[in-house]
Amino acid sequence: MSCQGCVGAVKRVLSKMEGVESYDVNLQDQKVTVKGNIKPEIVLQTVRNAGKETSFWPAEGK
């Protein structure tokens, strides 16, 4: 994500996903936190299909 337009695109996709209860998009850190009853892999694939690069956060301390 490089701009507010990217943030808006990610928010639009997440807001339409069944099972997503809440999300936080942090442009500065380029991180998205999603909470809900949904498989993480599905979230990554859906956001990737919207044209955004995705990956899981690296484990802390590594």
PDB file of N, CA and C in Angstrom:
ATOM      1  N   MET A   1       0.858  -1.171   0.000  1.00  0.00           N
ATOM      2  CA  MET A   1       0.000   0.000   0.000  1.00  0.00           C
ATOM      3  C   MET A   1       0.897   1.225   0.000  1.00  0.00           C
ATOM      4  N   SER A   2       0.585   2.109  -0.895  1.00  0.00           N
ATOM      5  CA  SER A   2       1.434   3.294  -0.987  1.00  0.00           C
ATOM      6  C   SER A   2       0.661   4.602  -0.856  1.00  0.00           C
ATOM      7  N   CYS A   3      -0.680   4.534  -0.779  1.00  0.00           N
ATOM      8  CA  CYS A   3      -1.450   5.768  -0.697  1.00  0.00           C
ATOM      9  C   CYS A   3      -2.816   5.500  -0.070  1.00  0.00           C
ATOM     10  N   GLN A   4      -3.575   6.564   0.146  1.00  0.00           N
ATOM     11  CA  GLN A   4      -4.905   6.424   0.733  1.00  0.00           C
ATOM     12  C   GLN A   4      -5.859   5.688  -0.209  1.00  0.00           C
ATOM     13  N   GLY A   5      -5.598   5.755  -1.500  1.00  0.00           N
ATOM     14  CA  GLY A   5      -6.407   5.005  -2.456  1.00  0.00           C
ATOM     15  C   GLY A   5      -6.259   3.506  -2.238  1.00  0.00           C
ATOM     16  N   CYS A   6      -5.030   3.074  -1.961  1.00  0.00           N
ATOM     17  CA  CYS A   6      -4.774   1.664  -1.665  1.00  0.00           C
ATOM     18  C   CYS A   6      -5.483   1.259  -0.381  1.00  0.00           C
ATOM     19  N   VAL A   7      -5.407   2.112   0.618  1.00  0.00           N
ATOM     20  CA  VAL A   7      -6.079   1.843   1.891  1.00  0.00           C
ATOM     21  C   VAL A   7      -7.576   1.685   1.651  1.00  0.00           C
ATOM     22  N   GLY A   8      -8.151   2.569   0.860  1.00  0.00           N
ATOM     23  CA  GLY A   8      -9.580   2.502   0.559  1.00  0.00           C
ATOM     24  C   GLY A   8      -9.950   1.203  -0.141  1.00  0.00           C
ATOM     25  N   ALA A   9      -9.105   0.762  -1.073  1.00  0.00           N
ATOM     26  CA  ALA A   9      -9.372  -0.484  -1.794  1.00  0.00           C
ATOM     27  C   ALA A   9      -9.354  -1.673  -0.847  1.00  0.00           C
ATOM     28  N   VAL A  10      -8.391  -1.717   0.048  1.00  0.00           N
ATOM     29  CA  VAL A  10      -8.299  -2.810   1.014  1.00  0.00           C
ATOM     30  C   VAL A  10      -9.508  -2.784   1.953  1.00  0.00           C
ATOM     31  N   LYS A  11      -9.872  -1.607   2.421  1.00  0.00           N
ATOM     32  CA  LYS A  11     -11.036  -1.494   3.314  1.00  0.00           C
ATOM     33  C   LYS A  11     -12.318  -1.943   2.619  1.00  0.00           C
ATOM     34  N   ARG A  12     -12.486  -1.571   1.363  1.00  0.00           N
ATOM     35  CA  ARG A  12     -13.692  -1.980   0.620  1.00  0.00           C
ATOM     36  C   ARG A  12     -13.789  -3.495   0.521  1.00  0.00           C
ATOM     37  N   VAL A  13     -12.678  -4.130   0.200  1.00  0.00           N
ATOM     38  CA  VAL A  13     -12.664  -5.584   0.068  1.00  0.00           C
ATOM     39  C   VAL A  13     -12.962  -6.245   1.412  1.00  0.00           C
ATOM     40  N   LEU A  14     -12.309  -5.774   2.465  1.00  0.00           N
ATOM     41  CA  LEU A  14     -12.495  -6.384   3.783  1.00  0.00           C
ATOM     42  C   LEU A  14     -13.911  -6.170   4.308  1.00  0.00           C
ATOM     43  N   SER A  15     -14.491  -5.010   4.042  1.00  0.00           N
ATOM     44  CA  SER A  15     -15.831  -4.723   4.562  1.00  0.00           C
ATOM     45  C   SER A  15     -16.891  -5.619   3.941  1.00  0.00           C
ATOM     46  N   LYS A  16     -16.598  -6.197   2.780  1.00  0.00           N
ATOM     47  CA  LYS A  16     -17.557  -7.062   2.092  1.00  0.00           C
ATOM     48  C   LYS A  16     -17.370  -8.543   2.431  1.00  0.00           C
ATOM     49  N   MET A  17     -16.314  -8.868   3.155  1.00  0.00           N
ATOM     50  CA  MET A  17     -16.024 -10.274   3.444  1.00  0.00           C
ATOM     51  C   MET A  17     -16.853 -10.779   4.615  1.00  0.00           C
ATOM     52  N   GLU A  18     -17.535 -11.878   4.395  1.00  0.00           N
ATOM     53  CA  GLU A  18     -18.313 -12.504   5.455  1.00  0.00           C
ATOM     54  C   GLU A  18     -17.350 -13.104   6.480  1.00  0.00           C
ATOM     55  N   GLY A  19     -17.612 -12.859   7.747  1.00  0.00           N
ATOM     56  CA  GLY A  19     -16.772 -13.382   8.816  1.00  0.00           C
ATOM     57  C   GLY A  19     -15.807 -12.362   9.385  1.00  0.00           C
ATOM     58  N   VAL A  20     -15.575 -11.269   8.657  1.00  0.00           N
ATOM     59  CA  VAL A  20     -14.677 -10.221   9.160  1.00  0.00           C
ATOM     60  C   VAL A  20     -15.463  -9.345  10.130  1.00  0.00           C
ATOM     61  N   GLU A  21     -15.002  -9.302  11.384  1.00  0.00           N
ATOM     62  CA  GLU A  21     -15.668  -8.496  12.413  1.00  0.00           C
ATOM     63  C   GLU A  21     -15.085  -7.096  12.494  1.00  0.00           C
ATOM     64  N   SER A  22     -13.771  -6.988  12.359  1.00  0.00           N
ATOM     65  CA  SER A  22     -13.126  -5.678  12.398  1.00  0.00           C
ATOM     66  C   SER A  22     -11.773  -5.772  11.690  1.00  0.00           C
ATOM     67  N   TYR A  23     -11.264  -4.613  11.329  1.00  0.00           N
ATOM     68  CA  TYR A  23      -9.957  -4.557  10.687  1.00  0.00           C
ATOM     69  C   TYR A  23      -9.335  -3.202  10.958  1.00  0.00           C
ATOM     70  N   ASP A  24      -8.005  -3.167  10.919  1.00  0.00           N
ATOM     71  CA  ASP A  24      -7.245  -1.937  11.096  1.00  0.00           C
ATOM     72  C   ASP A  24      -6.209  -1.891   9.980  1.00  0.00           C
ATOM     73  N   VAL A  25      -6.226  -0.821   9.211  1.00  0.00           N
ATOM     74  CA  VAL A  25      -5.280  -0.656   8.117  1.00  0.00           C
ATOM     75  C   VAL A  25      -4.291   0.430   8.517  1.00  0.00           C
ATOM     76  N   ASN A  26      -3.004   0.083   8.573  1.00  0.00           N
ATOM     77  CA  ASN A  26      -1.957   1.011   8.964  1.00  0.00           C
ATOM     78  C   ASN A  26      -1.067   1.256   7.745  1.00  0.00           C
ATOM     79  N   LEU A  27      -1.260   2.377   7.090  1.00  0.00           N
ATOM     80  CA  LEU A  27      -0.507   2.710   5.883  1.00  0.00           C
ATOM     81  C   LEU A  27       0.977   2.884   6.187  1.00  0.00           C
ATOM     82  N   GLN A  28       1.302   3.532   7.276  1.00  0.00           N
ATOM     83  CA  GLN A  28       2.706   3.802   7.616  1.00  0.00           C
ATOM     84  C   GLN A  28       3.492   2.493   7.758  1.00  0.00           C
ATOM     85  N   ASP A  29       2.927   1.522   8.484  1.00  0.00           N
ATOM     86  CA  ASP A  29       3.612   0.243   8.683  1.00  0.00           C
ATOM     87  C   ASP A  29       3.298  -0.758   7.575  1.00  0.00           C
ATOM     88  N   GLN A  30       2.357  -0.400   6.701  1.00  0.00           N
ATOM     89  CA  GLN A  30       1.890  -1.267   5.623  1.00  0.00           C
ATOM     90  C   GLN A  30       1.432  -2.615   6.163  1.00  0.00           C
ATOM     91  N   LYS A  31       0.599  -2.533   7.198  1.00  0.00           N
ATOM     92  CA  LYS A  31       0.053  -3.730   7.833  1.00  0.00           C
ATOM     93  C   LYS A  31      -1.455  -3.608   7.957  1.00  0.00           C
ATOM     94  N   VAL A  32      -2.104  -4.747   7.850  1.00  0.00           N
ATOM     95  CA  VAL A  32      -3.545  -4.820   8.044  1.00  0.00           C
ATOM     96  C   VAL A  32      -3.801  -5.901   9.081  1.00  0.00           C
ATOM     97  N   THR A  33      -4.557  -5.558  10.112  1.00  0.00           N
ATOM     98  CA  THR A  33      -4.949  -6.522  11.129  1.00  0.00           C
ATOM     99  C   THR A  33      -6.425  -6.803  10.949  1.00  0.00           C
ATOM    100  N   VAL A  34      -6.766  -8.075  10.817  1.00  0.00           N
ATOM    101  CA  VAL A  34      -8.147  -8.480  10.599  1.00  0.00           C
ATOM    102  C   VAL A  34      -8.559  -9.399  11.741  1.00  0.00           C
ATOM    103  N   LYS A  35      -9.742  -9.126  12.303  1.00  0.00           N
ATOM    104  CA  LYS A  35     -10.295  -9.974  13.358  1.00  0.00           C
ATOM    105  C   LYS A  35     -11.637 -10.498  12.895  1.00  0.00           C
ATOM    106  N   GLY A  36     -11.893 -11.752  13.222  1.00  0.00           N
ATOM    107  CA  GLY A  36     -13.168 -12.334  12.859  1.00  0.00           C
ATOM    108  C   GLY A  36     -13.082 -13.835  12.739  1.00  0.00           C
ATOM    109  N   ASN A  37     -14.141 -14.408  12.256  1.00  0.00           N
ATOM    110  CA  ASN A  37     -14.233 -15.850  12.082  1.00  0.00           C
ATOM    111  C   ASN A  37     -14.026 -16.165  10.607  1.00  0.00           C
ATOM    112  N   ILE A  38     -12.774 -16.099  10.185  1.00  0.00           N
ATOM    113  CA  ILE A  38     -12.415 -16.301   8.781  1.00  0.00           C
ATOM    114  C   ILE A  38     -10.986 -16.825   8.728  1.00  0.00           C
ATOM    115  N   LYS A  39     -10.709 -17.676   7.763  1.00  0.00           N
ATOM    116  CA  LYS A  39      -9.361 -18.220   7.629  1.00  0.00           C
ATOM    117  C   LYS A  39      -8.415 -17.151   7.100  1.00  0.00           C
ATOM    118  N   PRO A  40      -7.250 -17.009   7.729  1.00  0.00           N
ATOM    119  CA  PRO A  40      -6.282 -15.993   7.289  1.00  0.00           C
ATOM    120  C   PRO A  40      -5.899 -16.127   5.813  1.00  0.00           C
ATOM    121  N   GLU A  41      -5.805 -17.361   5.326  1.00  0.00           N
ATOM    122  CA  GLU A  41      -5.425 -17.572   3.937  1.00  0.00           C
ATOM    123  C   GLU A  41      -6.461 -16.978   2.985  1.00  0.00           C
ATOM    124  N   ILE A  42      -7.729 -17.026   3.378  1.00  0.00           N
ATOM    125  CA  ILE A  42      -8.796 -16.465   2.546  1.00  0.00           C
ATOM    126  C   ILE A  42      -8.684 -14.942   2.494  1.00  0.00           C
ATOM    127  N   VAL A  43      -8.349 -14.333   3.629  1.00  0.00           N
ATOM    128  CA  VAL A  43      -8.170 -12.880   3.668  1.00  0.00           C
ATOM    129  C   VAL A  43      -7.025 -12.479   2.739  1.00  0.00           C
ATOM    130  N   LEU A  44      -5.885 -13.169   2.847  1.00  0.00           N
ATOM    131  CA  LEU A  44      -4.747 -12.844   1.994  1.00  0.00           C
ATOM    132  C   LEU A  44      -5.095 -13.000   0.523  1.00  0.00           C
ATOM    133  N   GLN A  45      -5.754 -14.091   0.167  1.00  0.00           N
ATOM    134  CA  GLN A  45      -6.098 -14.333  -1.235  1.00  0.00           C
ATOM    135  C   GLN A  45      -7.065 -13.277  -1.764  1.00  0.00           C
ATOM    136  N   THR A  46      -8.048 -12.888  -0.950  1.00  0.00           N
ATOM    137  CA  THR A  46      -9.027 -11.900  -1.377  1.00  0.00           C
ATOM    138  C   THR A  46      -8.373 -10.535  -1.609  1.00  0.00           C
ATOM    139  N   VAL A  47      -7.504 -10.139  -0.697  1.00  0.00           N
ATOM    140  CA  VAL A  47      -6.805  -8.856  -0.850  1.00  0.00           C
ATOM    141  C   VAL A  47      -5.846  -8.933  -2.034  1.00  0.00           C
ATOM    142  N   ARG A  48      -5.201 -10.063  -2.221  1.00  0.00           N
ATOM    143  CA  ARG A  48      -4.299 -10.253  -3.366  1.00  0.00           C
ATOM    144  C   ARG A  48      -5.086 -10.140  -4.676  1.00  0.00           C
ATOM    145  N   ASN A  49      -6.287 -10.707  -4.702  1.00  0.00           N
ATOM    146  CA  ASN A  49      -7.127 -10.635  -5.907  1.00  0.00           C
ATOM    147  C   ASN A  49      -7.552  -9.200  -6.210  1.00  0.00           C
ATOM    148  N   ALA A  50      -7.507  -8.329  -5.199  1.00  0.00           N
ATOM    149  CA  ALA A  50      -7.830  -6.919  -5.396  1.00  0.00           C
ATOM    150  C   ALA A  50      -6.617  -6.142  -5.923  1.00  0.00           C
ATOM    151  N   GLY A  51      -5.516  -6.858  -6.172  1.00  0.00           N
ATOM    152  CA  GLY A  51      -4.341  -6.222  -6.761  1.00  0.00           C
ATOM    153  C   GLY A  51      -3.312  -5.735  -5.768  1.00  0.00           C
ATOM    154  N   LYS A  52      -3.408  -6.178  -4.519  1.00  0.00           N
ATOM    155  CA  LYS A  52      -2.454  -5.735  -3.500  1.00  0.00           C
ATOM    156  C   LYS A  52      -1.532  -6.883  -3.116  1.00  0.00           C
ATOM    157  N   GLU A  53      -0.278  -6.571  -2.886  1.00  0.00           N
ATOM    158  CA  GLU A  53       0.687  -7.580  -2.453  1.00  0.00           C
ATOM    159  C   GLU A  53       0.361  -7.978  -1.018  1.00  0.00           C
ATOM    160  N   THR A  54       0.419  -9.274  -0.724  1.00  0.00           N
ATOM    161  CA  THR A  54       0.085  -9.741   0.611  1.00  0.00           C
ATOM    162  C   THR A  54       1.102 -10.747   1.115  1.00  0.00           C
ATOM    163  N   SER A  55       1.222 -10.815   2.438  1.00  0.00           N
ATOM    164  CA  SER A  55       2.015 -11.848   3.105  1.00  0.00           C
ATOM    165  C   SER A  55       1.653 -11.804   4.584  1.00  0.00           C
ATOM    166  N   PHE A  56       1.931 -12.897   5.275  1.00  0.00           N
ATOM    167  CA  PHE A  56       1.743 -12.907   6.723  1.00  0.00           C
ATOM    168  C   PHE A  56       2.879 -12.130   7.353  1.00  0.00           C
ATOM    169  N   TRP A  57       2.613 -11.554   8.519  1.00  0.00           N
ATOM    170  CA  TRP A  57       3.671 -10.863   9.245  1.00  0.00           C
ATOM    171  C   TRP A  57       4.680 -11.891   9.701  1.00  0.00           C
ATOM    172  N   PRO A  58       5.972 -11.529   9.696  1.00  0.00           N
ATOM    173  CA  PRO A  58       6.968 -12.454  10.256  1.00  0.00           C
ATOM    174  C   PRO A  58       6.745 -12.586  11.764  1.00  0.00           C
ATOM    175  N   ALA A  59       7.070 -13.731  12.293  1.00  0.00           N
ATOM    176  CA  ALA A  59       6.929 -13.937  13.735  1.00  0.00           C
ATOM    177  C   ALA A  59       7.820 -12.955  14.471  1.00  0.00           C
ATOM    178  N   GLU A  60       7.310 -12.420  15.570  1.00  0.00           N
ATOM    179  CA  GLU A  60       8.097 -11.436  16.339  1.00  0.00           C
ATOM    180  C   GLU A  60       9.315 -12.103  16.930  1.00  0.00           C
ATOM    181  N   GLY A  61      10.417 -11.381  16.948  1.00  0.00           N
ATOM    182  CA  GLY A  61      11.648 -11.884  17.537  1.00  0.00           C
ATOM    183  C   GLY A  61      12.479 -12.698  16.560  1.00  0.00           C
ATOM    184  N   LYS A  62      12.054 -12.756  15.303  1.00  0.00           N
ATOM    185  CA  LYS A  62      12.833 -13.513  14.313  1.00  0.00           C
ATOM    186  C   LYS A  62      13.386 -12.594  13.267  1.00  0.00           C
TER     187      LYS A  62
END
